[in-house]
Amino acid sequence: MTQIIRPATPEDTPRLVELLMLDAEGRHAEDAILWKMADDAPAQIEKALTFALTAEQQPFRQFWQVAEDGGKIAGVIHAMMLPVPPIYAGSFGDPGLILPDSFVAPDAPSGTVEVLLAAAEETLHEAGARIKLASYVAGEDWRTAFEANGYEPLTLYLSRTDLGDNGMPTNVRPATENDVPGIVMRSAENRQILFEINPFWEIHPEADPRFSAWMTRSLSLRDRDMMVVGFPDDLEGYVIAQPASRLHFPPAHDITGTGVIDDYYHPELANPVSLDHGNAGASALLRAAEATFADRGMGAAFVVCPAGWTSKIELLEASGYETAMVWSIKR
């Protein structure tokens, strides 16, 4: 019998919970600390599915599609329209993103991954996505399918789970409002490097004032730590250690013990190819973020790094980080 690819419905929820639990257990097997299972993982999956499949008002457009074979669901793929962060221009509109909680049963017919991927791409195209992104954690079938369909690595998410063992560096201090102009200046350097690595990160004309407003607000948020090296009038670098979000972690996982480092820059990283000016300052900022995570009782750090920023990857890997997830791009 030919497979049927169709949108998921609320009636599919029990079977989808089964499949997505198997999916989550696969990630958990990759790294039990980073991909910690929630105590009520099946209930969390069901709650997320119910909202996605029934709620009229949603924060972003998302799509769940299933592969049905002989009346039984053999696979599922989850995609969304990803809002462009306000510091980027987004000339091509919101990209479409295929999320990591996509899964095919071990006994599914051959080619199920490929037909689900094709269906998700068509749906995203119809929704207006001119650029498509795909995320990958575990499962060689997905990696192979993405590569065969022209996806290339865009962003690496590197993780480390032994945090705080080096303590807080003495040359790193908490950021203050006086540091915001210096953080914005260094962030502008960071954004320019991102754009040169890949024009996907096209800079918004109002990026500086937008980022400044966000940094000022972030100083008042108690769930994160903003730290800097240097003085306000000569700021060397900055790092923001913040809690994980659901964008990167499917609902089966407990994210309370995971911190994310995204906004992070030091001029030692200015050459994306090599660390030709050492790494003492950049390493100190990284260790400081890890120490704050440890102080908050977190057991894993997740660092966002462009796949083409070789020097930053070198620093992270030398510090004990390993790639835990890959986002790829197809234009």
C-alpha atoms as a PDB file:
ATOM      1  CA  MET A   1       0.000   0.000   0.000  1.00  0.00           C
ATOM      2  CA  THR A   2       1.302   3.463  -0.911  1.00  0.00           C
ATOM      3  CA  GLN A   3       2.200   5.751   1.959  1.00  0.00           C
ATOM      4  CA  ILE A   4      -0.073   8.706   2.608  1.00  0.00           C
ATOM      5  CA  ILE A   5       1.530  11.980   3.685  1.00  0.00           C
ATOM      6  CA  ARG A   6      -0.960  14.281   5.398  1.00  0.00           C
ATOM      7  CA  PRO A   7      -1.233  16.943   8.088  1.00  0.00           C
ATOM      8  CA  ALA A   8      -1.433  15.576  11.605  1.00  0.00           C
ATOM      9  CA  THR A   9      -4.771  15.791  13.424  1.00  0.00           C
ATOM     10  CA  PRO A  10      -5.660  15.728  17.139  1.00  0.00           C
ATOM     11  CA  GLU A  11      -6.772  12.102  16.696  1.00  0.00           C
ATOM     12  CA  ASP A  12      -3.152  11.214  15.873  1.00  0.00           C
ATOM     13  CA  THR A  13      -1.893  12.421  19.233  1.00  0.00           C
ATOM     14  CA  PRO A  14      -1.609   9.057  21.065  1.00  0.00           C
ATOM     15  CA  ARG A  15       0.501   7.541  18.272  1.00  0.00           C
ATOM     16  CA  LEU A  16       2.580  10.699  17.922  1.00  0.00           C
ATOM     17  CA  VAL A  17       3.334  10.656  21.646  1.00  0.00           C
ATOM     18  CA  GLU A  18       4.666   7.114  21.204  1.00  0.00           C
ATOM     19  CA  LEU A  19       6.898   8.103  18.295  1.00  0.00           C
ATOM     20  CA  LEU A  20       8.131  11.321  19.901  1.00  0.00           C
ATOM     21  CA  MET A  21       9.014   9.485  23.097  1.00  0.00           C
ATOM     22  CA  LEU A  22      11.210   7.139  21.048  1.00  0.00           C
ATOM     23  CA  ASP A  23      12.701  10.215  19.388  1.00  0.00           C
ATOM     24  CA  ALA A  24      13.451  11.876  22.736  1.00  0.00           C
ATOM     25  CA  GLU A  25      14.963   8.678  24.121  1.00  0.00           C
ATOM     26  CA  GLY A  26      17.358   8.657  21.148  1.00  0.00           C
ATOM     27  CA  ARG A  27      18.599  12.140  22.049  1.00  0.00           C
ATOM     28  CA  HIS A  28      18.790  11.154  25.716  1.00  0.00           C
ATOM     29  CA  ALA A  29      21.040   8.251  24.721  1.00  0.00           C
ATOM     30  CA  GLU A  30      23.356  10.740  22.978  1.00  0.00           C
ATOM     31  CA  ASP A  31      23.766  12.858  26.134  1.00  0.00           C
ATOM     32  CA  ALA A  32      21.718  12.121  29.247  1.00  0.00           C
ATOM     33  CA  ILE A  33      22.528  15.465  30.906  1.00  0.00           C
ATOM     34  CA  LEU A  34      21.960  17.812  27.976  1.00  0.00           C
ATOM     35  CA  TRP A  35      18.892  15.919  26.756  1.00  0.00           C
ATOM     36  CA  LYS A  36      17.497  15.103  30.184  1.00  0.00           C
ATOM     37  CA  MET A  37      14.032  13.563  30.054  1.00  0.00           C
ATOM     38  CA  ALA A  38      11.244  15.397  31.839  1.00  0.00           C
ATOM     39  CA  ASP A  39       9.616  13.385  34.629  1.00  0.00           C
ATOM     40  CA  ASP A  40       6.289  13.720  32.818  1.00  0.00           C
ATOM     41  CA  ALA A  41       7.670  13.607  29.278  1.00  0.00           C
ATOM     42  CA  PRO A  42       4.619  11.926  27.643  1.00  0.00           C
ATOM     43  CA  ALA A  43       2.302  14.504  29.205  1.00  0.00           C
ATOM     44  CA  GLN A  44       4.524  17.364  28.045  1.00  0.00           C
ATOM     45  CA  ILE A  45       4.552  16.009  24.491  1.00  0.00           C
ATOM     46  CA  GLU A  46       0.776  15.598  24.524  1.00  0.00           C
ATOM     47  CA  LYS A  47       0.311  19.134  25.840  1.00  0.00           C
ATOM     48  CA  ALA A  48       2.543  20.611  23.129  1.00  0.00           C
ATOM     49  CA  LEU A  49       0.829  18.608  20.385  1.00  0.00           C
ATOM     50  CA  THR A  50      -2.639  19.549  21.575  1.00  0.00           C
ATOM     51  CA  PHE A  51      -1.740  23.226  21.489  1.00  0.00           C
ATOM     52  CA  ALA A  52      -0.039  22.942  18.075  1.00  0.00           C
ATOM     53  CA  LEU A  53      -2.937  21.069  16.492  1.00  0.00           C
ATOM     54  CA  THR A  54      -5.884  22.941  18.023  1.00  0.00           C
ATOM     55  CA  ALA A  55      -4.982  26.456  19.221  1.00  0.00           C
ATOM     56  CA  GLU A  56      -6.190  29.268  16.960  1.00  0.00           C
ATOM     57  CA  GLN A  57      -3.687  31.828  18.276  1.00  0.00           C
ATOM     58  CA  GLN A  58      -0.062  30.656  18.105  1.00  0.00           C
ATOM     59  CA  PRO A  59       3.223  32.579  18.453  1.00  0.00           C
ATOM     60  CA  PHE A  60       4.473  31.274  15.077  1.00  0.00           C
ATOM     61  CA  ARG A  61       3.231  29.107  12.221  1.00  0.00           C
ATOM     62  CA  GLN A  62       4.062  25.463  12.679  1.00  0.00           C
ATOM     63  CA  PHE A  63       3.290  22.333  10.702  1.00  0.00           C
ATOM     64  CA  TRP A  64       3.032  18.708  11.761  1.00  0.00           C
ATOM     65  CA  GLN A  65       2.830  16.094   9.011  1.00  0.00           C
ATOM     66  CA  VAL A  66       2.652  12.319   9.248  1.00  0.00           C
ATOM     67  CA  ALA A  67       3.448   9.370   7.013  1.00  0.00           C
ATOM     68  CA  GLU A  68       0.663   6.800   7.197  1.00  0.00           C
ATOM     69  CA  ASP A  69       1.256   3.269   5.961  1.00  0.00           C
ATOM     70  CA  GLY A  70      -1.497   0.688   6.053  1.00  0.00           C
ATOM     71  CA  GLY A  71      -3.549   2.828   8.396  1.00  0.00           C
ATOM     72  CA  LYS A  72      -0.686   3.219  10.895  1.00  0.00           C
ATOM     73  CA  ILE A  73       1.467   6.311  11.357  1.00  0.00           C
ATOM     74  CA  ALA A  74       5.060   5.363  10.554  1.00  0.00           C
ATOM     75  CA  GLY A  75       6.705   8.775  10.864  1.00  0.00           C
ATOM     76  CA  VAL A  76       6.249  12.441  11.692  1.00  0.00           C
ATOM     77  CA  ILE A  77       7.954  15.673  10.700  1.00  0.00           C
ATOM     78  CA  HIS A  78       7.695  19.018  12.504  1.00  0.00           C
ATOM     79  CA  ALA A  79       8.411  22.351  10.815  1.00  0.00           C
ATOM     80  CA  MET A  80       7.834  26.033  11.523  1.00  0.00           C
ATOM     81  CA  MET A  81       8.268  29.506  10.115  1.00  0.00           C
ATOM     82  CA  LEU A  82      11.157  30.950  12.124  1.00  0.00           C
ATOM     83  CA  PRO A  83      10.794  34.641  13.041  1.00  0.00           C
ATOM     84  CA  VAL A  84      13.863  36.685  12.082  1.00  0.00           C
ATOM     85  CA  PRO A  85      15.614  38.198  15.165  1.00  0.00           C
ATOM     86  CA  PRO A  86      15.259  42.005  15.166  1.00  0.00           C
ATOM     87  CA  ILE A  87      18.998  42.662  14.685  1.00  0.00           C
ATOM     88  CA  TYR A  88      18.992  40.884  11.315  1.00  0.00           C
ATOM     89  CA  ALA A  89      17.536  42.257   8.081  1.00  0.00           C
ATOM     90  CA  GLY A  90      15.730  39.131   6.922  1.00  0.00           C
ATOM     91  CA  SER A  91      15.564  40.278   3.294  1.00  0.00           C
ATOM     92  CA  PHE A  92      14.325  36.844   2.245  1.00  0.00           C
ATOM     93  CA  GLY A  93      11.569  36.766   4.857  1.00  0.00           C
ATOM     94  CA  ASP A  94      11.128  34.247   7.650  1.00  0.00           C
ATOM     95  CA  PRO A  95      12.989  31.017   6.871  1.00  0.00           C
ATOM     96  CA  GLY A  96      11.334  27.645   7.280  1.00  0.00           C
ATOM     97  CA  LEU A  97      12.834  25.382   9.919  1.00  0.00           C
ATOM     98  CA  ILE A  98      12.538  21.607  10.187  1.00  0.00           C
ATOM     99  CA  LEU A  99      12.769  20.858  13.898  1.00  0.00           C
ATOM    100  CA  PRO A 100      14.656  18.029  15.611  1.00  0.00           C
ATOM    101  CA  ASP A 101      11.489  16.357  16.938  1.00  0.00           C
ATOM    102  CA  SER A 102      10.918  14.660  13.591  1.00  0.00           C
ATOM    103  CA  PHE A 103      11.013  10.877  13.721  1.00  0.00           C
ATOM    104  CA  VAL A 104      10.455   7.747  11.687  1.00  0.00           C
ATOM    105  CA  ALA A 105       9.637   4.394  13.313  1.00  0.00           C
ATOM    106  CA  PRO A 106      12.352   1.717  13.014  1.00  0.00           C
ATOM    107  CA  ASP A 107       9.976  -0.510  11.020  1.00  0.00           C
ATOM    108  CA  ALA A 108       8.798   2.251   8.674  1.00  0.00           C
ATOM    109  CA  PRO A 109       8.994   1.563   4.920  1.00  0.00           C
ATOM    110  CA  SER A 110      12.234   2.507   3.219  1.00  0.00           C
ATOM    111  CA  GLY A 111      12.219   6.088   2.012  1.00  0.00           C
ATOM    112  CA  THR A 112       9.858   7.420   4.680  1.00  0.00           C
ATOM    113  CA  VAL A 113      12.369  10.048   5.824  1.00  0.00           C
ATOM    114  CA  GLU A 114      12.778  11.305   2.276  1.00  0.00           C
ATOM    115  CA  VAL A 115       9.050  11.606   1.529  1.00  0.00           C
ATOM    116  CA  LEU A 116       8.421  13.403   4.822  1.00  0.00           C
ATOM    117  CA  LEU A 117      11.268  15.824   4.105  1.00  0.00           C
ATOM    118  CA  ALA A 118       9.893  16.534   0.629  1.00  0.00           C
ATOM    119  CA  ALA A 119       6.435  17.141   2.073  1.00  0.00           C
ATOM    120  CA  ALA A 120       7.752  19.506   4.741  1.00  0.00           C
ATOM    121  CA  GLU A 121       9.775  21.446   2.179  1.00  0.00           C
ATOM    122  CA  GLU A 122       6.725  21.843  -0.059  1.00  0.00           C
ATOM    123  CA  THR A 123       4.618  23.028   2.870  1.00  0.00           C
ATOM    124  CA  LEU A 124       7.252  25.564   3.914  1.00  0.00           C
ATOM    125  CA  HIS A 125       7.572  26.782   0.340  1.00  0.00           C
ATOM    126  CA  GLU A 126       3.809  27.275   0.129  1.00  0.00           C
ATOM    127  CA  ALA A 127       3.982  29.187   3.418  1.00  0.00           C
ATOM    128  CA  GLY A 128       6.449  31.614   1.849  1.00  0.00           C
ATOM    129  CA  ALA A 129       9.834  30.276   3.028  1.00  0.00           C
ATOM    130  CA  ARG A 130      12.512  31.200   0.479  1.00  0.00           C
ATOM    131  CA  ILE A 131      15.239  29.783   2.728  1.00  0.00           C
ATOM    132  CA  LYS A 132      14.935  26.450   4.490  1.00  0.00           C
ATOM    133  CA  LEU A 133      16.767  25.340   7.611  1.00  0.00           C
ATOM    134  CA  ALA A 134      16.963  21.862   9.105  1.00  0.00           C
ATOM    135  CA  SER A 135      18.115  20.781  12.563  1.00  0.00           C
ATOM    136  CA  TYR A 136      19.716  17.464  13.359  1.00  0.00           C
ATOM    137  CA  VAL A 137      20.721  15.706  16.585  1.00  0.00           C
ATOM    138  CA  ALA A 138      20.614  11.963  16.215  1.00  0.00           C
ATOM    139  CA  GLY A 139      19.626   9.558  13.460  1.00  0.00           C
ATOM    140  CA  GLU A 140      21.852   9.013  10.448  1.00  0.00           C
ATOM    141  CA  ASP A 141      18.831   8.761   8.132  1.00  0.00           C
ATOM    142  CA  TRP A 142      17.995  12.430   8.744  1.00  0.00           C
ATOM    143  CA  ARG A 143      21.569  13.640   8.299  1.00  0.00           C
ATOM    144  CA  THR A 144      21.897  11.685   5.057  1.00  0.00           C
ATOM    145  CA  ALA A 145      18.565  12.974   3.738  1.00  0.00           C
ATOM    146  CA  PHE A 146      19.434  16.591   4.515  1.00  0.00           C
ATOM    147  CA  GLU A 147      22.837  16.342   2.837  1.00  0.00           C
ATOM    148  CA  ALA A 148      21.359  14.601  -0.214  1.00  0.00           C
ATOM    149  CA  ASN A 149      18.844  17.435  -0.552  1.00  0.00           C
ATOM    150  CA  GLY A 150      21.446  20.186  -0.599  1.00  0.00           C
ATOM    151  CA  TYR A 151      21.535  21.284   3.043  1.00  0.00           C
ATOM    152  CA  GLU A 152      24.882  22.569   4.305  1.00  0.00           C
ATOM    153  CA  PRO A 153      25.879  23.219   7.951  1.00  0.00           C
ATOM    154  CA  LEU A 154      25.049  26.754   9.066  1.00  0.00           C
ATOM    155  CA  THR A 155      25.212  26.708  12.876  1.00  0.00           C
ATOM    156  CA  LEU A 156      26.726  24.297  15.374  1.00  0.00           C
ATOM    157  CA  TYR A 157      25.420  23.884  18.886  1.00  0.00           C
ATOM    158  CA  LEU A 158      28.290  22.687  21.050  1.00  0.00           C
ATOM    159  CA  SER A 159      27.788  21.346  24.554  1.00  0.00           C
ATOM    160  CA  ARG A 160      29.754  20.662  27.694  1.00  0.00           C
ATOM    161  CA  THR A 161      28.430  19.087  30.879  1.00  0.00           C
ATOM    162  CA  ASP A 162      31.235  19.461  33.427  1.00  0.00           C
ATOM    163  CA  LEU A 163      30.760  23.075  34.431  1.00  0.00           C
ATOM    164  CA  GLY A 164      32.375  25.404  36.926  1.00  0.00           C
ATOM    165  CA  ASP A 165      35.455  23.281  37.556  1.00  0.00           C
ATOM    166  CA  ASN A 166      37.789  26.196  36.774  1.00  0.00           C
ATOM    167  CA  GLY A 167      35.985  28.767  38.929  1.00  0.00           C
ATOM    168  CA  MET A 168      35.281  32.420  38.116  1.00  0.00           C
ATOM    169  CA  PRO A 169      38.177  34.246  36.377  1.00  0.00           C
ATOM    170  CA  THR A 170      39.299  37.320  38.306  1.00  0.00           C
ATOM    171  CA  ASN A 171      39.367  39.571  35.236  1.00  0.00           C
ATOM    172  CA  VAL A 172      35.682  39.029  34.415  1.00  0.00           C
ATOM    173  CA  ARG A 173      33.024  41.146  36.112  1.00  0.00           C
ATOM    174  CA  PRO A 174      29.238  41.603  35.944  1.00  0.00           C
ATOM    175  CA  ALA A 175      28.073  44.076  33.309  1.00  0.00           C
ATOM    176  CA  THR A 176      26.460  47.374  34.288  1.00  0.00           C
ATOM    177  CA  GLU A 177      24.434  49.928  32.364  1.00  0.00           C
ATOM    178  CA  ASN A 178      27.670  51.830  31.691  1.00  0.00           C
ATOM    179  CA  ASP A 179      28.910  48.811  29.743  1.00  0.00           C
ATOM    180  CA  VAL A 180      26.013  48.739  27.280  1.00  0.00           C
ATOM    181  CA  PRO A 181      27.638  51.050  24.672  1.00  0.00           C
ATOM    182  CA  GLY A 182      30.787  48.927  24.723  1.00  0.00           C
ATOM    183  CA  ILE A 183      28.770  45.701  24.430  1.00  0.00           C
ATOM    184  CA  VAL A 184      26.899  47.161  21.453  1.00  0.00           C
ATOM    185  CA  MET A 185      30.192  48.156  19.820  1.00  0.00           C
ATOM    186  CA  ARG A 186      31.654  44.680  20.232  1.00  0.00           C
ATOM    187  CA  SER A 187      28.370  43.126  19.122  1.00  0.00           C
ATOM    188  CA  ALA A 188      28.573  45.146  15.895  1.00  0.00           C
ATOM    189  CA  GLU A 189      32.003  43.600  15.254  1.00  0.00           C
ATOM    190  CA  ASN A 190      30.535  40.176  15.979  1.00  0.00           C
ATOM    191  CA  ARG A 191      27.618  40.737  13.591  1.00  0.00           C
ATOM    192  CA  GLN A 192      29.942  41.850  10.794  1.00  0.00           C
ATOM    193  CA  ILE A 193      31.978  38.657  11.136  1.00  0.00           C
ATOM    194  CA  LEU A 194      28.765  36.616  11.068  1.00  0.00           C
ATOM    195  CA  PHE A 195      27.692  38.342   7.854  1.00  0.00           C
ATOM    196  CA  GLU A 196      31.088  37.757   6.247  1.00  0.00           C
ATOM    197  CA  ILE A 197      30.907  34.078   7.170  1.00  0.00           C
ATOM    198  CA  ASN A 198      27.427  33.725   5.684  1.00  0.00           C
ATOM    199  CA  PRO A 199      25.159  36.458   4.260  1.00  0.00           C
ATOM    200  CA  PHE A 200      22.244  34.664   5.916  1.00  0.00           C
ATOM    201  CA  TRP A 201      23.110  36.906   8.888  1.00  0.00           C
ATOM    202  CA  GLU A 202      22.380  40.122   7.017  1.00  0.00           C
ATOM    203  CA  ILE A 203      22.537  43.044   9.466  1.00  0.00           C
ATOM    204  CA  HIS A 204      19.464  45.179  10.083  1.00  0.00           C
ATOM    205  CA  PRO A 205      20.074  48.942   9.588  1.00  0.00           C
ATOM    206  CA  GLU A 206      18.802  49.577  13.129  1.00  0.00           C
ATOM    207  CA  ALA A 207      20.679  46.665  14.706  1.00  0.00           C
ATOM    208  CA  ASP A 208      22.702  48.821  17.122  1.00  0.00           C
ATOM    209  CA  PRO A 209      19.802  50.687  18.793  1.00  0.00           C
ATOM    210  CA  ARG A 210      17.707  47.520  18.863  1.00  0.00           C
ATOM    211  CA  PHE A 211      20.510  45.524  20.465  1.00  0.00           C
ATOM    212  CA  SER A 212      21.214  48.371  22.903  1.00  0.00           C
ATOM    213  CA  ALA A 213      17.591  48.381  24.045  1.00  0.00           C
ATOM    214  CA  TRP A 214      17.643  44.621  24.511  1.00  0.00           C
ATOM    215  CA  MET A 215      20.907  44.719  26.479  1.00  0.00           C
ATOM    216  CA  THR A 216      19.538  47.439  28.763  1.00  0.00           C
ATOM    217  CA  ARG A 217      16.444  45.375  29.419  1.00  0.00           C
ATOM    218  CA  SER A 218      18.486  42.189  29.890  1.00  0.00           C
ATOM    219  CA  LEU A 219      20.338  43.799  32.802  1.00  0.00           C
ATOM    220  CA  SER A 220      17.068  43.679  34.744  1.00  0.00           C
ATOM    221  CA  LEU A 221      16.321  40.022  33.970  1.00  0.00           C
ATOM    222  CA  ARG A 222      17.220  37.770  36.876  1.00  0.00           C
ATOM    223  CA  ASP A 223      17.381  34.550  34.886  1.00  0.00           C
ATOM    224  CA  ARG A 224      20.680  35.432  33.172  1.00  0.00           C
ATOM    225  CA  ASP A 225      24.167  36.771  33.823  1.00  0.00           C
ATOM    226  CA  MET A 226      25.837  39.426  31.672  1.00  0.00           C
ATOM    227  CA  MET A 227      29.611  39.609  32.090  1.00  0.00           C
ATOM    228  CA  VAL A 228      32.412  41.635  30.552  1.00  0.00           C
ATOM    229  CA  VAL A 229      36.186  42.000  30.402  1.00  0.00           C
ATOM    230  CA  GLY A 230      37.698  45.484  30.476  1.00  0.00           C
ATOM    231  CA  PHE A 231      36.456  48.934  31.443  1.00  0.00           C
ATOM    232  CA  PRO A 232      33.320  50.644  30.100  1.00  0.00           C
ATOM    233  CA  ASP A 233      35.317  53.047  27.918  1.00  0.00           C
ATOM    234  CA  ASP A 234      37.518  50.246  26.555  1.00  0.00           C
ATOM    235  CA  LEU A 235      35.422  47.080  26.741  1.00  0.00           C
ATOM    236  CA  GLU A 236      37.300  44.030  25.516  1.00  0.00           C
ATOM    237  CA  GLY A 237      34.524  41.445  25.312  1.00  0.00           C
ATOM    238  CA  TYR A 238      31.237  40.213  26.693  1.00  0.00           C
ATOM    239  CA  VAL A 239      29.220  37.062  27.281  1.00  0.00           C
ATOM    240  CA  ILE A 240      25.589  36.483  28.225  1.00  0.00           C
ATOM    241  CA  ALA A 241      24.739  33.265  30.050  1.00  0.00           C
ATOM    242  CA  GLN A 242      21.009  32.653  29.761  1.00  0.00           C
ATOM    243  CA  PRO A 243      18.520  29.818  30.260  1.00  0.00           C
ATOM    244  CA  ALA A 244      17.681  27.404  27.469  1.00  0.00           C
ATOM    245  CA  SER A 245      14.506  27.881  25.434  1.00  0.00           C
ATOM    246  CA  ARG A 246      12.082  25.535  23.729  1.00  0.00           C
ATOM    247  CA  LEU A 247      13.313  26.551  20.265  1.00  0.00           C
ATOM    248  CA  HIS A 248      16.205  24.121  20.624  1.00  0.00           C
ATOM    249  CA  PHE A 249      14.714  21.568  23.010  1.00  0.00           C
ATOM    250  CA  PRO A 250      11.573  19.513  22.280  1.00  0.00           C
ATOM    251  CA  PRO A 251       8.983  19.288  25.078  1.00  0.00           C
ATOM    252  CA  ALA A 252      10.030  15.828  26.281  1.00  0.00           C
ATOM    253  CA  HIS A 253      13.215  17.304  27.729  1.00  0.00           C
ATOM    254  CA  ASP A 254      13.745  19.093  31.037  1.00  0.00           C
ATOM    255  CA  ILE A 255      15.607  22.302  30.191  1.00  0.00           C
ATOM    256  CA  THR A 256      15.894  23.727  33.702  1.00  0.00           C
ATOM    257  CA  GLY A 257      19.445  22.403  34.015  1.00  0.00           C
ATOM    258  CA  THR A 258      20.751  23.783  30.725  1.00  0.00           C
ATOM    259  CA  GLY A 259      22.213  27.197  29.969  1.00  0.00           C
ATOM    260  CA  VAL A 260      22.765  28.760  26.548  1.00  0.00           C
ATOM    261  CA  ILE A 261      25.570  31.036  25.366  1.00  0.00           C
ATOM    262  CA  ASP A 262      24.673  32.887  22.182  1.00  0.00           C
ATOM    263  CA  ASP A 263      25.768  36.526  22.606  1.00  0.00           C
ATOM    264  CA  TYR A 264      29.510  36.051  23.152  1.00  0.00           C
ATOM    265  CA  TYR A 265      32.431  37.910  21.604  1.00  0.00           C
ATOM    266  CA  HIS A 266      36.031  38.942  22.201  1.00  0.00           C
ATOM    267  CA  PRO A 267      38.398  40.497  19.604  1.00  0.00           C
ATOM    268  CA  GLU A 268      40.637  37.439  19.930  1.00  0.00           C
ATOM    269  CA  LEU A 269      37.931  35.719  17.859  1.00  0.00           C
ATOM    270  CA  ALA A 270      37.926  38.410  15.160  1.00  0.00           C
ATOM    271  CA  ASN A 271      39.770  36.195  12.703  1.00  0.00           C
ATOM    272  CA  PRO A 272      37.215  33.461  11.973  1.00  0.00           C
ATOM    273  CA  VAL A 273      39.927  31.191  10.607  1.00  0.00           C
ATOM    274  CA  SER A 274      42.537  31.120  13.381  1.00  0.00           C
ATOM    275  CA  LEU A 275      43.276  32.300  16.929  1.00  0.00           C
ATOM    276  CA  ASP A 276      46.248  34.414  15.883  1.00  0.00           C
ATOM    277  CA  HIS A 277      46.042  36.727  18.921  1.00  0.00           C
ATOM    278  CA  GLY A 278      45.717  34.074  21.626  1.00  0.00           C
ATOM    279  CA  ASN A 279      42.560  33.158  23.495  1.00  0.00           C
ATOM    280  CA  ALA A 280      43.039  34.232  27.121  1.00  0.00           C
ATOM    281  CA  GLY A 281      40.246  36.823  27.152  1.00  0.00           C
ATOM    282  CA  ALA A 282      37.770  34.744  25.163  1.00  0.00           C
ATOM    283  CA  SER A 283      38.484  31.700  27.328  1.00  0.00           C
ATOM    284  CA  ALA A 284      38.001  33.716  30.520  1.00  0.00           C
ATOM    285  CA  LEU A 285      34.564  34.870  29.362  1.00  0.00           C
ATOM    286  CA  LEU A 286      33.607  31.290  28.511  1.00  0.00           C
ATOM    287  CA  ARG A 287      34.752  30.016  31.915  1.00  0.00           C
ATOM    288  CA  ALA A 288      32.835  32.825  33.623  1.00  0.00           C
ATOM    289  CA  ALA A 289      29.619  31.817  31.868  1.00  0.00           C
ATOM    290  CA  GLU A 290      30.167  28.203  32.871  1.00  0.00           C
ATOM    291  CA  ALA A 291      30.771  29.236  36.487  1.00  0.00           C
ATOM    292  CA  THR A 292      27.501  31.187  36.618  1.00  0.00           C
ATOM    293  CA  PHE A 293      25.636  28.218  35.183  1.00  0.00           C
ATOM    294  CA  ALA A 294      27.161  25.990  37.854  1.00  0.00           C
ATOM    295  CA  ASP A 295      26.209  28.494  40.563  1.00  0.00           C
ATOM    296  CA  ARG A 296      22.621  28.330  39.299  1.00  0.00           C
ATOM    297  CA  GLY A 297      22.655  24.541  39.561  1.00  0.00           C
ATOM    298  CA  MET A 298      22.835  23.917  35.815  1.00  0.00           C
ATOM    299  CA  GLY A 299      24.652  20.873  34.516  1.00  0.00           C
ATOM    300  CA  ALA A 300      25.048  21.632  30.808  1.00  0.00           C
ATOM    301  CA  ALA A 301      26.076  24.557  28.622  1.00  0.00           C
ATOM    302  CA  PHE A 302      24.926  24.928  25.022  1.00  0.00           C
ATOM    303  CA  VAL A 303      27.002  27.327  22.884  1.00  0.00           C
ATOM    304  CA  VAL A 304      25.735  28.674  19.553  1.00  0.00           C
ATOM    305  CA  CYS A 305      28.505  28.946  16.937  1.00  0.00           C
ATOM    306  CA  PRO A 306      28.446  29.459  13.154  1.00  0.00           C
ATOM    307  CA  ALA A 307      29.737  26.393  11.338  1.00  0.00           C
ATOM    308  CA  GLY A 308      32.188  28.593   9.429  1.00  0.00           C
ATOM    309  CA  TRP A 309      33.749  30.244  12.493  1.00  0.00           C
ATOM    310  CA  THR A 310      36.700  27.862  12.704  1.00  0.00           C
ATOM    311  CA  SER A 311      38.633  29.753  15.373  1.00  0.00           C
ATOM    312  CA  LYS A 312      35.655  29.838  17.735  1.00  0.00           C
ATOM    313  CA  ILE A 313      35.024  26.143  17.203  1.00  0.00           C
ATOM    314  CA  GLU A 314      38.711  25.474  17.936  1.00  0.00           C
ATOM    315  CA  LEU A 315      38.443  27.388  21.211  1.00  0.00           C
ATOM    316  CA  LEU A 316      35.272  25.580  22.244  1.00  0.00           C
ATOM    317  CA  GLU A 317      36.576  22.129  21.413  1.00  0.00           C
ATOM    318  CA  ALA A 318      39.820  22.838  23.290  1.00  0.00           C
ATOM    319  CA  SER A 319      37.611  23.785  26.257  1.00  0.00           C
ATOM    320  CA  GLY A 320      35.839  20.422  26.225  1.00  0.00           C
ATOM    321  CA  TYR A 321      32.841  21.161  24.008  1.00  0.00           C
ATOM    322  CA  GLU A 322      31.437  18.741  21.442  1.00  0.00           C
ATOM    323  CA  THR A 323      28.877  19.333  18.699  1.00  0.00           C
ATOM    324  CA  ALA A 324      25.459  18.278  19.983  1.00  0.00           C
ATOM    325  CA  MET A 325      23.200  19.624  17.245  1.00  0.00           C
ATOM    326  CA  VAL A 326      23.592  21.035  13.743  1.00  0.00           C
ATOM    327  CA  TRP A 327      21.402  23.517  11.903  1.00  0.00           C
ATOM    328  CA  SER A 328      21.829  23.355   8.120  1.00  0.00           C
ATOM    329  CA  ILE A 329      20.676  25.706   5.362  1.00  0.00           C
ATOM    330  CA  LYS A 330      19.242  25.223   1.881  1.00  0.00           C
ATOM    331  CA  ARG A 331      18.619  28.220  -0.363  1.00  0.00           C
END
